[in-house]
C-alpha atoms as a PDB file:
ATOM      1  CA  UNK A   1     -18.905   0.222  27.045  1.00  0.00           C
ATOM      2  CA  UNK A   2     -22.081   0.554  25.016  1.00  0.00           C
ATOM      3  CA  UNK A   3     -21.611   2.106  21.609  1.00  0.00           C
ATOM      4  CA  UNK A   4     -24.669   4.293  22.222  1.00  0.00           C
ATOM      5  CA  UNK A   5     -22.679   6.242  24.815  1.00  0.00           C
ATOM      6  CA  UNK A   6     -19.683   6.895  22.589  1.00  0.00           C
ATOM      7  CA  UNK A   7     -19.336  10.162  20.723  1.00  0.00           C
ATOM      8  CA  UNK A   8     -16.228  10.997  18.705  1.00  0.00           C
ATOM      9  CA  UNK A   9     -14.902  14.107  17.036  1.00  0.00           C
ATOM     10  CA  UNK A  10     -15.268  14.074  13.253  1.00  0.00           C
ATOM     11  CA  UNK A  11     -12.857  16.121  11.156  1.00  0.00           C
ATOM     12  CA  UNK A  12     -13.975  18.401   8.348  1.00  0.00           C
ATOM     13  CA  UNK A  13     -12.233  16.082   5.887  1.00  0.00           C
ATOM     14  CA  UNK A  14     -14.226  13.114   7.188  1.00  0.00           C
ATOM     15  CA  UNK A  15     -17.462  15.092   6.950  1.00  0.00           C
ATOM     16  CA  UNK A  16     -16.713  15.916   3.320  1.00  0.00           C
ATOM     17  CA  UNK A  17     -16.074  12.219   2.625  1.00  0.00           C
ATOM     18  CA  UNK A  18     -19.337  11.193   4.270  1.00  0.00           C
ATOM     19  CA  UNK A  19     -21.272  13.843   2.326  1.00  0.00           C
ATOM     20  CA  UNK A  20     -19.774  12.610  -0.961  1.00  0.00           C
ATOM     21  CA  UNK A  21     -20.632   9.048   0.021  1.00  0.00           C
ATOM     22  CA  UNK A  22     -24.251   9.964   0.686  1.00  0.00           C
ATOM     23  CA  UNK A  23     -24.603  12.106  -2.443  1.00  0.00           C
ATOM     24  CA  UNK A  24     -23.044   9.401  -4.655  1.00  0.00           C
ATOM     25  CA  UNK A  25     -24.421   6.373  -2.871  1.00  0.00           C
ATOM     26  CA  UNK A  26     -25.220   4.400  -6.029  1.00  0.00           C
ATOM     27  CA  UNK A  27     -21.605   4.757  -7.179  1.00  0.00           C
ATOM     28  CA  UNK A  28     -20.319   3.813  -3.720  1.00  0.00           C
ATOM     29  CA  UNK A  29     -22.472   0.671  -3.834  1.00  0.00           C
ATOM     30  CA  UNK A  30     -21.083  -0.191  -7.286  1.00  0.00           C
ATOM     31  CA  UNK A  31     -17.536   0.314  -6.009  1.00  0.00           C
ATOM     32  CA  UNK A  32     -18.178  -1.977  -3.062  1.00  0.00           C
ATOM     33  CA  UNK A  33     -19.635  -4.629  -5.370  1.00  0.00           C
ATOM     34  CA  UNK A  34     -16.638  -4.512  -7.709  1.00  0.00           C
ATOM     35  CA  UNK A  35     -14.255  -4.705  -4.749  1.00  0.00           C
ATOM     36  CA  UNK A  36     -15.939  -7.813  -3.381  1.00  0.00           C
ATOM     37  CA  UNK A  37     -15.701  -9.469  -6.815  1.00  0.00           C
ATOM     38  CA  UNK A  38     -11.926  -8.910  -6.950  1.00  0.00           C
ATOM     39  CA  UNK A  39     -10.949 -11.534  -4.369  1.00  0.00           C
ATOM     40  CA  UNK A  40      -7.743 -12.429  -6.196  1.00  0.00           C
ATOM     41  CA  UNK A  41      -6.219  -8.945  -5.826  1.00  0.00           C
ATOM     42  CA  UNK A  42      -3.663  -8.626  -3.075  1.00  0.00           C
ATOM     43  CA  UNK A  43      -2.751  -4.950  -2.766  1.00  0.00           C
ATOM     44  CA  UNK A  44      -4.556  -1.623  -2.619  1.00  0.00           C
ATOM     45  CA  UNK A  45      -2.897  -0.169  -5.739  1.00  0.00           C
ATOM     46  CA  UNK A  46      -4.011  -3.115  -7.888  1.00  0.00           C
ATOM     47  CA  UNK A  47      -7.478  -2.932  -6.347  1.00  0.00           C
ATOM     48  CA  UNK A  48      -7.826   0.748  -7.281  1.00  0.00           C
ATOM     49  CA  UNK A  49      -6.697   0.051 -10.848  1.00  0.00           C
ATOM     50  CA  UNK A  50      -9.193  -2.823 -11.110  1.00  0.00           C
ATOM     51  CA  UNK A  51     -12.105  -0.727  -9.836  1.00  0.00           C
ATOM     52  CA  UNK A  52     -11.280   2.120 -12.227  1.00  0.00           C
ATOM     53  CA  UNK A  53     -11.136  -0.275 -15.184  1.00  0.00           C
ATOM     54  CA  UNK A  54     -14.432  -1.959 -14.227  1.00  0.00           C
ATOM     55  CA  UNK A  55     -16.192   1.392 -13.717  1.00  0.00           C
ATOM     56  CA  UNK A  56     -14.656   3.068 -16.742  1.00  0.00           C
ATOM     57  CA  UNK A  57     -17.822   5.014 -17.537  1.00  0.00           C
ATOM     58  CA  UNK A  58     -17.990   6.620 -14.086  1.00  0.00           C
ATOM     59  CA  UNK A  59     -16.296   9.814 -12.929  1.00  0.00           C
ATOM     60  CA  UNK A  60     -12.687   8.778 -12.259  1.00  0.00           C
ATOM     61  CA  UNK A  61     -11.931  11.444  -9.652  1.00  0.00           C
ATOM     62  CA  UNK A  62     -15.105  10.738  -7.694  1.00  0.00           C
ATOM     63  CA  UNK A  63     -14.507   6.978  -7.838  1.00  0.00           C
ATOM     64  CA  UNK A  64     -11.022   7.400  -6.357  1.00  0.00           C
ATOM     65  CA  UNK A  65     -12.288   9.853  -3.756  1.00  0.00           C
ATOM     66  CA  UNK A  66     -15.066   7.507  -2.639  1.00  0.00           C
ATOM     67  CA  UNK A  67     -12.627   4.602  -2.376  1.00  0.00           C
ATOM     68  CA  UNK A  68     -10.306   6.698  -0.230  1.00  0.00           C
ATOM     69  CA  UNK A  69     -13.241   7.821   1.921  1.00  0.00           C
ATOM     70  CA  UNK A  70     -14.352   4.213   2.398  1.00  0.00           C
ATOM     71  CA  UNK A  71     -10.843   3.163   3.398  1.00  0.00           C
ATOM     72  CA  UNK A  72     -10.608   6.064   5.834  1.00  0.00           C
ATOM     73  CA  UNK A  73     -13.912   5.146   7.467  1.00  0.00           C
ATOM     74  CA  UNK A  74     -12.879   1.473   7.611  1.00  0.00           C
ATOM     75  CA  UNK A  75      -9.676   2.562   9.340  1.00  0.00           C
ATOM     76  CA  UNK A  76     -11.699   4.525  11.896  1.00  0.00           C
ATOM     77  CA  UNK A  77     -13.966   1.534  12.565  1.00  0.00           C
ATOM     78  CA  UNK A  78     -10.919  -0.688  13.059  1.00  0.00           C
ATOM     79  CA  UNK A  79      -9.347   1.771  15.504  1.00  0.00           C
ATOM     80  CA  UNK A  80     -12.577   1.825  17.497  1.00  0.00           C
ATOM     81  CA  UNK A  81     -12.648  -2.029  17.451  1.00  0.00           C
ATOM     82  CA  UNK A  82     -16.392  -2.201  16.864  1.00  0.00           C
ATOM     83  CA  UNK A  83     -18.732  -4.021  14.501  1.00  0.00           C
ATOM     84  CA  UNK A  84     -20.364  -2.335  11.521  1.00  0.00           C
ATOM     85  CA  UNK A  85     -23.700  -1.715  13.364  1.00  0.00           C
ATOM     86  CA  UNK A  86     -21.865  -0.329  16.408  1.00  0.00           C
ATOM     87  CA  UNK A  87     -19.766   1.897  14.166  1.00  0.00           C
ATOM     88  CA  UNK A  88     -22.857   3.337  12.509  1.00  0.00           C
ATOM     89  CA  UNK A  89     -24.425   3.961  15.933  1.00  0.00           C
ATOM     90  CA  UNK A  90     -21.307   5.862  17.004  1.00  0.00           C
ATOM     91  CA  UNK A  91     -21.225   7.866  13.795  1.00  0.00           C
ATOM     92  CA  UNK A  92     -24.934   8.683  14.013  1.00  0.00           C
ATOM     93  CA  UNK A  93     -24.577   9.986  17.565  1.00  0.00           C
ATOM     94  CA  UNK A  94     -21.417  11.926  16.673  1.00  0.00           C
ATOM     95  CA  UNK A  95     -22.909  13.490  13.538  1.00  0.00           C
ATOM     96  CA  UNK A  96     -26.064  14.448  15.431  1.00  0.00           C
ATOM     97  CA  UNK A  97     -23.960  16.298  17.986  1.00  0.00           C
ATOM     98  CA  UNK A  98     -21.556  17.892  15.530  1.00  0.00           C
ATOM     99  CA  UNK A  99     -21.361  21.698  15.811  1.00  0.00           C
ATOM    100  CA  UNK A 100     -21.613  22.191  12.032  1.00  0.00           C
ATOM    101  CA  UNK A 101     -25.393  22.678  11.943  1.00  0.00           C
ATOM    102  CA  UNK A 102     -25.399  23.505   8.212  1.00  0.00           C
ATOM    103  CA  UNK A 103     -23.791  20.139   7.380  1.00  0.00           C
ATOM    104  CA  UNK A 104     -26.262  18.340   9.667  1.00  0.00           C
ATOM    105  CA  UNK A 105     -29.236  20.080   8.066  1.00  0.00           C
ATOM    106  CA  UNK A 106     -28.127  18.954   4.594  1.00  0.00           C
ATOM    107  CA  UNK A 107     -26.815  15.442   5.288  1.00  0.00           C
ATOM    108  CA  UNK A 108     -28.071  13.996   8.573  1.00  0.00           C
ATOM    109  CA  UNK A 109     -31.447  12.838   7.267  1.00  0.00           C
ATOM    110  CA  UNK A 110     -29.714  11.216   4.284  1.00  0.00           C
ATOM    111  CA  UNK A 111     -27.415   9.403   6.721  1.00  0.00           C
ATOM    112  CA  UNK A 112     -30.329   8.073   8.737  1.00  0.00           C
ATOM    113  CA  UNK A 113     -32.231   7.056   5.590  1.00  0.00           C
ATOM    114  CA  UNK A 114     -29.232   5.033   4.335  1.00  0.00           C
ATOM    115  CA  UNK A 115     -28.471   3.527   7.765  1.00  0.00           C
ATOM    116  CA  UNK A 116     -29.278  -0.091   6.849  1.00  0.00           C
ATOM    117  CA  UNK A 117     -27.628   0.093   3.427  1.00  0.00           C
ATOM    118  CA  UNK A 118     -24.484   1.665   4.894  1.00  0.00           C
ATOM    119  CA  UNK A 119     -23.963  -1.368   7.101  1.00  0.00           C
ATOM    120  CA  UNK A 120     -23.000  -3.482   4.081  1.00  0.00           C
ATOM    121  CA  UNK A 121     -20.216  -1.026   3.201  1.00  0.00           C
ATOM    122  CA  UNK A 122     -18.461  -1.371   6.553  1.00  0.00           C
ATOM    123  CA  UNK A 123     -18.322  -5.121   7.130  1.00  0.00           C
ATOM    124  CA  UNK A 124     -15.144  -6.092   9.051  1.00  0.00           C
ATOM    125  CA  UNK A 125     -14.751  -9.087   6.717  1.00  0.00           C
ATOM    126  CA  UNK A 126     -14.877  -7.106   3.466  1.00  0.00           C
ATOM    127  CA  UNK A 127     -11.856  -7.147   1.162  1.00  0.00           C
ATOM    128  CA  UNK A 128     -11.238  -3.411   1.509  1.00  0.00           C
ATOM    129  CA  UNK A 129     -11.216  -3.762   5.310  1.00  0.00           C
ATOM    130  CA  UNK A 130      -8.687  -6.603   5.093  1.00  0.00           C
ATOM    131  CA  UNK A 131      -6.388  -4.686   2.737  1.00  0.00           C
ATOM    132  CA  UNK A 132      -6.612  -1.572   4.875  1.00  0.00           C
ATOM    133  CA  UNK A 133      -5.699  -3.541   7.982  1.00  0.00           C
ATOM    134  CA  UNK A 134      -2.822  -5.231   6.135  1.00  0.00           C
ATOM    135  CA  UNK A 135      -1.486  -1.832   5.103  1.00  0.00           C
ATOM    136  CA  UNK A 136      -1.569  -0.520   8.663  1.00  0.00           C
ATOM    137  CA  UNK A 137       0.116  -3.647  10.055  1.00  0.00           C
ATOM    138  CA  UNK A 138       2.851  -3.434   7.412  1.00  0.00           C
ATOM    139  CA  UNK A 139       3.884   0.053   8.500  1.00  0.00           C
ATOM    140  CA  UNK A 140       3.417  -0.505  12.242  1.00  0.00           C
ATOM    141  CA  UNK A 141       7.084   0.107  13.009  1.00  0.00           C
ATOM    142  CA  UNK A 142       8.995   2.924  14.663  1.00  0.00           C
ATOM    143  CA  UNK A 143      10.996   3.565  11.489  1.00  0.00           C
ATOM    144  CA  UNK A 144       9.571   3.123   7.975  1.00  0.00           C
ATOM    145  CA  UNK A 145      11.721   3.276   4.838  1.00  0.00           C
ATOM    146  CA  UNK A 146      10.873   6.125   2.478  1.00  0.00           C
ATOM    147  CA  UNK A 147      13.663   6.003  -0.105  1.00  0.00           C
ATOM    148  CA  UNK A 148      16.987   4.261  -0.667  1.00  0.00           C
ATOM    149  CA  UNK A 149      19.753   4.910  -3.162  1.00  0.00           C
ATOM    150  CA  UNK A 150      23.447   4.122  -3.574  1.00  0.00           C
ATOM    151  CA  UNK A 151      25.752   6.927  -4.706  1.00  0.00           C
ATOM    152  CA  UNK A 152      29.052   6.085  -6.393  1.00  0.00           C
ATOM    153  CA  UNK A 153      31.907   8.537  -6.809  1.00  0.00           C
ATOM    154  CA  UNK A 154      35.663   8.690  -7.288  1.00  0.00           C
ATOM    155  CA  UNK A 155      38.128  10.188  -4.814  1.00  0.00           C
ATOM    156  CA  UNK A 156      41.543  10.991  -6.315  1.00  0.00           C
ATOM    157  CA  UNK A 157      44.820  10.415  -4.445  1.00  0.00           C
ATOM    158  CA  UNK A 158      47.338  13.172  -5.178  1.00  0.00           C
ATOM    159  CA  UNK A 159      51.078  13.314  -4.813  1.00  0.00           C
ATOM    160  CA  UNK A 160      52.598  15.536  -2.120  1.00  0.00           C
ATOM    161  CA  UNK A 161      52.576  18.552  -4.394  1.00  0.00           C
ATOM    162  CA  UNK A 162      48.932  18.072  -5.278  1.00  0.00           C
ATOM    163  CA  UNK A 163      49.771  18.484  -8.950  1.00  0.00           C
ATOM    164  CA  UNK A 164      49.423  14.851 -10.040  1.00  0.00           C
ATOM    165  CA  UNK A 165      46.824  12.173  -9.457  1.00  0.00           C
ATOM    166  CA  UNK A 166      48.496   8.930  -8.456  1.00  0.00           C
ATOM    167  CA  UNK A 167      45.422   6.763  -7.960  1.00  0.00           C
ATOM    168  CA  UNK A 168      41.667   6.994  -7.506  1.00  0.00           C
ATOM    169  CA  UNK A 169      39.381   5.250  -5.058  1.00  0.00           C
ATOM    170  CA  UNK A 170      35.838   4.219  -5.927  1.00  0.00           C
ATOM    171  CA  UNK A 171      33.486   4.989  -3.055  1.00  0.00           C
ATOM    172  CA  UNK A 172      29.887   3.889  -2.510  1.00  0.00           C
ATOM    173  CA  UNK A 173      27.485   5.535  -0.121  1.00  0.00           C
ATOM    174  CA  UNK A 174      24.053   4.168   0.711  1.00  0.00           C
ATOM    175  CA  UNK A 175      21.585   6.934   1.488  1.00  0.00           C
ATOM    176  CA  UNK A 176      18.488   5.882   3.413  1.00  0.00           C
ATOM    177  CA  UNK A 177      15.532   8.177   3.955  1.00  0.00           C
ATOM    178  CA  UNK A 178      13.018   7.037   6.536  1.00  0.00           C
ATOM    179  CA  UNK A 179      10.202   8.182   8.780  1.00  0.00           C
ATOM    180  CA  UNK A 180      10.695   8.119  12.542  1.00  0.00           C
ATOM    181  CA  UNK A 181       7.052   8.475  13.468  1.00  0.00           C
ATOM    182  CA  UNK A 182       6.001  11.498  11.419  1.00  0.00           C
ATOM    183  CA  UNK A 183       9.535  12.930  11.156  1.00  0.00           C
ATOM    184  CA  UNK A 184      11.488  12.302   7.964  1.00  0.00           C
ATOM    185  CA  UNK A 185      15.174  11.556   8.530  1.00  0.00           C
ATOM    186  CA  UNK A 186      18.220  10.600   6.466  1.00  0.00           C
ATOM    187  CA  UNK A 187      21.282   8.479   7.223  1.00  0.00           C
ATOM    188  CA  UNK A 188      24.385   7.640   5.148  1.00  0.00           C
ATOM    189  CA  UNK A 189      26.490   4.454   5.160  1.00  0.00           C
ATOM    190  CA  UNK A 190      29.916   4.054   3.515  1.00  0.00           C
ATOM    191  CA  UNK A 191      30.124   0.831   1.493  1.00  0.00           C
ATOM    192  CA  UNK A 192      32.712  -1.086  -0.505  1.00  0.00           C
ATOM    193  CA  UNK A 193      32.159  -3.406  -3.479  1.00  0.00           C
ATOM    194  CA  UNK A 194      31.833  -6.480  -1.246  1.00  0.00           C
ATOM    195  CA  UNK A 195      29.078  -4.706   0.703  1.00  0.00           C
ATOM    196  CA  UNK A 196      27.230  -4.037  -2.553  1.00  0.00           C
ATOM    197  CA  UNK A 197      27.433  -7.721  -3.523  1.00  0.00           C
ATOM    198  CA  UNK A 198      26.220  -8.879  -0.095  1.00  0.00           C
ATOM    199  CA  UNK A 199      23.343  -6.403  -0.211  1.00  0.00           C
ATOM    200  CA  UNK A 200      22.317  -7.596  -3.680  1.00  0.00           C
ATOM    201  CA  UNK A 201      22.414 -11.243  -2.577  1.00  0.00           C
ATOM    202  CA  UNK A 202      20.364 -10.444   0.514  1.00  0.00           C
ATOM    203  CA  UNK A 203      17.738  -8.600  -1.576  1.00  0.00           C
ATOM    204  CA  UNK A 204      17.504 -11.477  -4.043  1.00  0.00           C
ATOM    205  CA  UNK A 205      17.100 -13.956  -1.191  1.00  0.00           C
ATOM    206  CA  UNK A 206      14.311 -11.841   0.315  1.00  0.00           C
ATOM    207  CA  UNK A 207      12.510 -11.762  -3.066  1.00  0.00           C
ATOM    208  CA  UNK A 208      12.780 -15.548  -3.397  1.00  0.00           C
ATOM    209  CA  UNK A 209      11.361 -16.022   0.105  1.00  0.00           C
ATOM    210  CA  UNK A 210       8.491 -13.656  -0.743  1.00  0.00           C
ATOM    211  CA  UNK A 211       7.670 -15.644  -3.889  1.00  0.00           C
ATOM    212  CA  UNK A 212       7.835 -18.940  -1.964  1.00  0.00           C
ATOM    213  CA  UNK A 213       5.367 -17.572   0.572  1.00  0.00           C
ATOM    214  CA  UNK A 214       3.066 -16.348  -2.209  1.00  0.00           C
ATOM    215  CA  UNK A 215       3.156 -19.768  -3.879  1.00  0.00           C
ATOM    216  CA  UNK A 216       2.393 -21.425  -0.523  1.00  0.00           C
ATOM    217  CA  UNK A 217      -0.403 -19.203   0.748  1.00  0.00           C
ATOM    218  CA  UNK A 218      -1.915 -17.903  -2.511  1.00  0.00           C
ATOM    219  CA  UNK A 219      -4.874 -15.551  -2.128  1.00  0.00           C
ATOM    220  CA  UNK A 220      -4.628 -15.588   1.654  1.00  0.00           C
ATOM    221  CA  UNK A 221      -1.802 -13.088   1.295  1.00  0.00           C
ATOM    222  CA  UNK A 222      -2.176  -9.325   1.188  1.00  0.00           C
ATOM    223  CA  UNK A 223       0.740  -7.504  -0.452  1.00  0.00           C
ATOM    224  CA  UNK A 224       1.335  -3.902   0.505  1.00  0.00           C
ATOM    225  CA  UNK A 225       3.352  -1.455  -1.542  1.00  0.00           C
ATOM    226  CA  UNK A 226       2.355  -2.600  -5.011  1.00  0.00           C
ATOM    227  CA  UNK A 227       2.500  -5.900  -6.830  1.00  0.00           C
ATOM    228  CA  UNK A 228       5.887  -7.178  -7.956  1.00  0.00           C
ATOM    229  CA  UNK A 229       6.830  -8.434 -11.402  1.00  0.00           C
ATOM    230  CA  UNK A 230       6.163 -12.107 -10.757  1.00  0.00           C
ATOM    231  CA  UNK A 231       7.998 -13.277 -13.892  1.00  0.00           C
ATOM    232  CA  UNK A 232      11.181 -11.632 -12.655  1.00  0.00           C
ATOM    233  CA  UNK A 233      10.793 -13.207  -9.218  1.00  0.00           C
ATOM    234  CA  UNK A 234      10.173 -16.670 -10.680  1.00  0.00           C
ATOM    235  CA  UNK A 235      13.195 -16.298 -12.954  1.00  0.00           C
ATOM    236  CA  UNK A 236      15.306 -15.252  -9.968  1.00  0.00           C
ATOM    237  CA  UNK A 237      14.141 -18.291  -8.027  1.00  0.00           C
ATOM    238  CA  UNK A 238      15.061 -20.645 -10.878  1.00  0.00           C
ATOM    239  CA  UNK A 239      18.400 -18.905 -11.287  1.00  0.00           C
ATOM    240  CA  UNK A 240      19.239 -19.363  -7.614  1.00  0.00           C
ATOM    241  CA  UNK A 241      18.508 -23.081  -7.923  1.00  0.00           C
ATOM    242  CA  UNK A 242      21.204 -23.209 -10.669  1.00  0.00           C
ATOM    243  CA  UNK A 243      19.154 -25.251 -13.101  1.00  0.00           C
ATOM    244  CA  UNK A 244      19.528 -25.374 -16.854  1.00  0.00           C
ATOM    245  CA  UNK A 245      17.523 -23.043 -19.069  1.00  0.00           C
ATOM    246  CA  UNK A 246      15.586 -26.017 -20.430  1.00  0.00           C
ATOM    247  CA  UNK A 247      13.781 -26.367 -17.099  1.00  0.00           C
ATOM    248  CA  UNK A 248      12.535 -22.785 -17.151  1.00  0.00           C
ATOM    249  CA  UNK A 249       9.133 -22.166 -18.748  1.00  0.00           C
ATOM    250  CA  UNK A 250       9.564 -20.526 -22.151  1.00  0.00           C
ATOM    251  CA  UNK A 251       7.431 -17.538 -21.134  1.00  0.00           C
ATOM    252  CA  UNK A 252       9.936 -16.710 -18.401  1.00  0.00           C
ATOM    253  CA  UNK A 253      12.978 -16.642 -20.670  1.00  0.00           C
ATOM    254  CA  UNK A 254      12.146 -13.199 -22.021  1.00  0.00           C
ATOM    255  CA  UNK A 255      11.397 -10.160 -19.932  1.00  0.00           C
ATOM    256  CA  UNK A 256      10.551  -6.893 -21.666  1.00  0.00           C
ATOM    257  CA  UNK A 257      11.578  -8.416 -24.989  1.00  0.00           C
ATOM    258  CA  UNK A 258      15.111  -9.286 -23.892  1.00  0.00           C
ATOM    259  CA  UNK A 259      16.640 -12.696 -23.270  1.00  0.00           C
ATOM    260  CA  UNK A 260      17.767 -12.813 -19.664  1.00  0.00           C
ATOM    261  CA  UNK A 261      18.908 -16.415 -19.388  1.00  0.00           C
ATOM    262  CA  UNK A 262      21.815 -17.839 -21.307  1.00  0.00           C
ATOM    263  CA  UNK A 263      21.816 -21.402 -19.942  1.00  0.00           C
END
């Protein structure tokens, strides 16, 4: 289907983002330039922090808003599965036919004037497009974890009269909050001490595997959900190999000012 025949509905939120993009186009161009220079960054949170630090003299709130608007528009282009020029054709046709005539009167000519320059902001191969796609693929599951905690309590065992406590049982309960689609749900699991140990070992093994993959693939990787403390992961990997402390780099022997390896 030709992109010239496609017209989509544009939300009020998207219109506001486009208007801000057009009215702060120089800043948007700076943001895009900084993003493309940050090839080593592997997650969206680190990318935002890097852009804010590099553009320290700019309006912080507007910088964040423009980044979010760019990511939202990249997400829309990806869902439409079109190139940057095709995406701009679709948006131009859709904006031209939008019922908000006041918005069109103020912004449509600006959109058309910036048409060629806008194309550079929506390249499918740009870093922000790759990170946005990585984020969507990461959470492309029926159920997505929201929060997890383990509650520990004591349950007393009374004598028949209920007047004396004979013993007490330590209980653990793992509480998992998750999203089933857009619905937030919660589920509880009873656990014993052996379950806690197995869970800890499984988590440590997953962290070691993640670090091994990062060491293998380097900057090809995109990490979603924030960067991890790499020193802690490297220490964990060495620890699992059961080597002596002399084989661990000195810089890894202290984390947050505390010695964490005793040899």
